[in-house]
Amino acid sequence: MVDVVFLLLIFFMISTSFIDSSAIGINLPQATTGTPEGEQAEVKVYLEENGSIHFNEREVDMAELEKLLKNYTGNAATTSFKLLADKEVKHGRVISVVDLARAHGFGTLAIATRNTAPAHGAE
């Protein structure tokens, strides 16, 4: 019985997906609440502190981002739009990108944060 539990533990440790750390320097804001990521297809847009935009880790401008988002028109309703904005990015810039995602019909919009809540059971 202990062997089975041990094997299950090893299986879950190996199959767990870890958060990817991108080469783009984003300092996410902190939040104590939120929902975990799902297994849905997603588009990642990064906003750096200096205002530059990265679409799936490729630097683009706002016009090019709009062209790229048009490619998702048929699948946007089932694709998650994930915005990873540095905490120092101006609010207006974040809203512009969110509006662009909504205009192209993305069904799920998520703004990434770092979780600062203590682990359950930790004191």
Protein backbone atom coordinates (compact mmCIF):
# COMPACT_ATOMS: atom_id res chain seq x y z
CA MET A 1 0.00 0.00 0.00
CA VAL A 2 2.84 2.39 0.85
CA ASP A 3 4.47 1.50 -2.48
CA VAL A 4 1.33 2.51 -4.38
CA VAL A 5 1.09 5.83 -2.54
CA PHE A 6 4.78 6.46 -3.17
CA LEU A 7 4.37 5.71 -6.91
CA LEU A 8 1.37 8.02 -7.11
CA LEU A 9 3.36 10.76 -5.40
CA ILE A 10 6.20 10.36 -7.91
CA PHE A 11 3.73 10.33 -10.81
CA PHE A 12 2.08 13.59 -9.72
CA MET A 13 5.42 15.26 -9.05
CA ILE A 14 6.62 14.42 -12.54
CA SER A 15 3.40 15.27 -14.37
CA THR A 16 2.84 18.62 -12.63
CA SER A 17 3.16 21.60 -14.94
CA PHE A 18 5.27 24.41 -13.63
CA ILE A 19 4.91 28.11 -14.32
CA ASP A 20 7.12 29.08 -17.22
CA SER A 21 9.57 31.88 -16.56
CA SER A 22 9.86 33.97 -19.66
CA ALA A 23 12.94 35.81 -20.83
CA ILE A 24 10.82 38.98 -20.89
CA GLY A 25 11.37 41.01 -17.71
CA ILE A 26 7.85 41.40 -16.31
CA ASN A 27 7.35 42.31 -12.66
CA LEU A 28 3.77 41.14 -12.06
CA PRO A 29 1.58 42.88 -9.49
CA GLN A 30 0.64 40.87 -6.42
CA ALA A 31 -2.80 39.52 -5.51
CA THR A 32 -4.09 37.33 -2.70
CA THR A 33 -7.04 35.96 -4.69
CA GLY A 34 -7.36 34.50 -8.15
CA THR A 35 -8.12 31.41 -10.12
CA PRO A 36 -5.61 28.81 -11.29
CA GLU A 37 -4.80 28.37 -14.96
CA GLY A 38 -6.82 25.89 -16.96
CA GLU A 39 -5.97 23.66 -19.89
CA GLN A 40 -7.61 26.00 -22.44
CA ALA A 41 -5.72 27.28 -25.52
CA GLU A 42 -4.25 30.67 -24.72
CA VAL A 43 -2.66 33.73 -26.21
CA LYS A 44 -0.08 35.52 -24.04
CA VAL A 45 0.53 39.25 -24.35
CA TYR A 46 3.27 40.85 -22.26
CA LEU A 47 3.50 44.56 -21.43
CA GLU A 48 6.89 45.67 -20.18
CA GLU A 49 7.48 48.62 -17.87
CA ASN A 50 8.83 50.66 -20.79
CA GLY A 51 5.55 50.13 -22.70
CA SER A 52 6.77 47.55 -25.22
CA ILE A 53 4.34 44.79 -26.20
CA HIS A 54 5.23 41.14 -26.73
CA PHE A 55 2.86 38.69 -28.39
CA ASN A 56 3.78 35.13 -27.41
CA GLU A 57 7.27 36.45 -26.58
CA ARG A 58 7.75 38.31 -29.91
CA GLU A 59 7.96 42.11 -29.73
CA VAL A 60 5.19 43.86 -31.68
CA ASP A 61 3.52 47.28 -31.82
CA MET A 62 -0.20 47.89 -31.23
CA ALA A 63 -1.08 47.76 -34.97
CA GLU A 64 0.73 44.45 -35.42
CA LEU A 65 -0.91 43.06 -32.28
CA GLU A 66 -4.31 43.87 -33.76
CA LYS A 67 -3.40 42.05 -36.99
CA LEU A 68 -2.22 39.02 -35.01
CA LEU A 69 -5.40 38.93 -32.91
CA LYS A 70 -7.51 38.97 -36.10
CA ASN A 71 -6.05 35.54 -36.88
CA TYR A 72 -7.94 34.17 -33.85
CA THR A 73 -11.37 35.43 -34.98
CA GLY A 74 -12.77 31.92 -35.51
CA ASN A 75 -11.29 30.51 -32.27
CA ALA A 76 -11.32 33.58 -30.02
CA ALA A 77 -14.41 32.53 -28.06
CA THR A 78 -12.66 29.34 -26.93
CA THR A 79 -9.18 30.84 -26.53
CA SER A 80 -7.96 32.43 -23.30
CA PHE A 81 -6.33 35.86 -23.61
CA LYS A 82 -3.70 36.20 -20.88
CA LEU A 83 -2.21 39.64 -20.19
CA LEU A 84 1.06 39.73 -18.27
CA ALA A 85 1.61 43.41 -17.56
CA ASP A 86 4.40 44.82 -15.44
CA LYS A 87 3.00 46.50 -12.34
CA GLU A 88 4.52 49.82 -13.46
CA VAL A 89 2.74 49.89 -16.85
CA LYS A 90 0.30 52.78 -17.22
CA HIS A 91 -3.32 51.78 -16.67
CA GLY A 92 -4.39 53.24 -20.01
CA ARG A 93 -2.00 50.95 -21.88
CA VAL A 94 -3.44 47.89 -20.11
CA ILE A 95 -7.01 48.98 -20.93
CA SER A 96 -6.09 49.50 -24.60
CA VAL A 97 -4.82 45.93 -24.87
CA VAL A 98 -7.83 44.50 -23.00
CA ASP A 99 -10.21 46.45 -25.27
CA LEU A 100 -8.40 45.10 -28.31
CA ALA A 101 -8.83 41.53 -27.03
CA ARG A 102 -12.53 42.11 -26.37
CA ALA A 103 -13.00 43.65 -29.80
CA HIS A 104 -11.68 40.44 -31.36
CA GLY A 105 -14.07 38.26 -29.35
CA PHE A 106 -11.82 36.52 -26.84
CA GLY A 107 -14.04 34.59 -24.45
CA THR A 108 -11.71 34.54 -21.46
CA LEU A 109 -9.60 37.51 -20.43
CA ALA A 110 -7.06 37.01 -17.64
CA ILE A 111 -4.60 39.43 -16.06
CA ALA A 112 -1.67 37.60 -14.51
CA THR A 113 -0.49 38.38 -10.98
CA ARG A 114 1.89 36.85 -8.46
CA ASN A 115 0.11 35.04 -5.65
CA THR A 116 1.09 36.37 -2.23
CA ALA A 117 -1.47 34.45 -0.22
CA PRO A 118 0.02 32.02 2.33
CA ALA A 119 -0.34 28.34 1.52
CA HIS A 120 -3.35 26.61 3.05
CA GLY A 121 -2.50 25.22 6.44
CA ALA A 122 0.59 27.43 6.81
CA GLU A 123 0.80 29.63 9.82
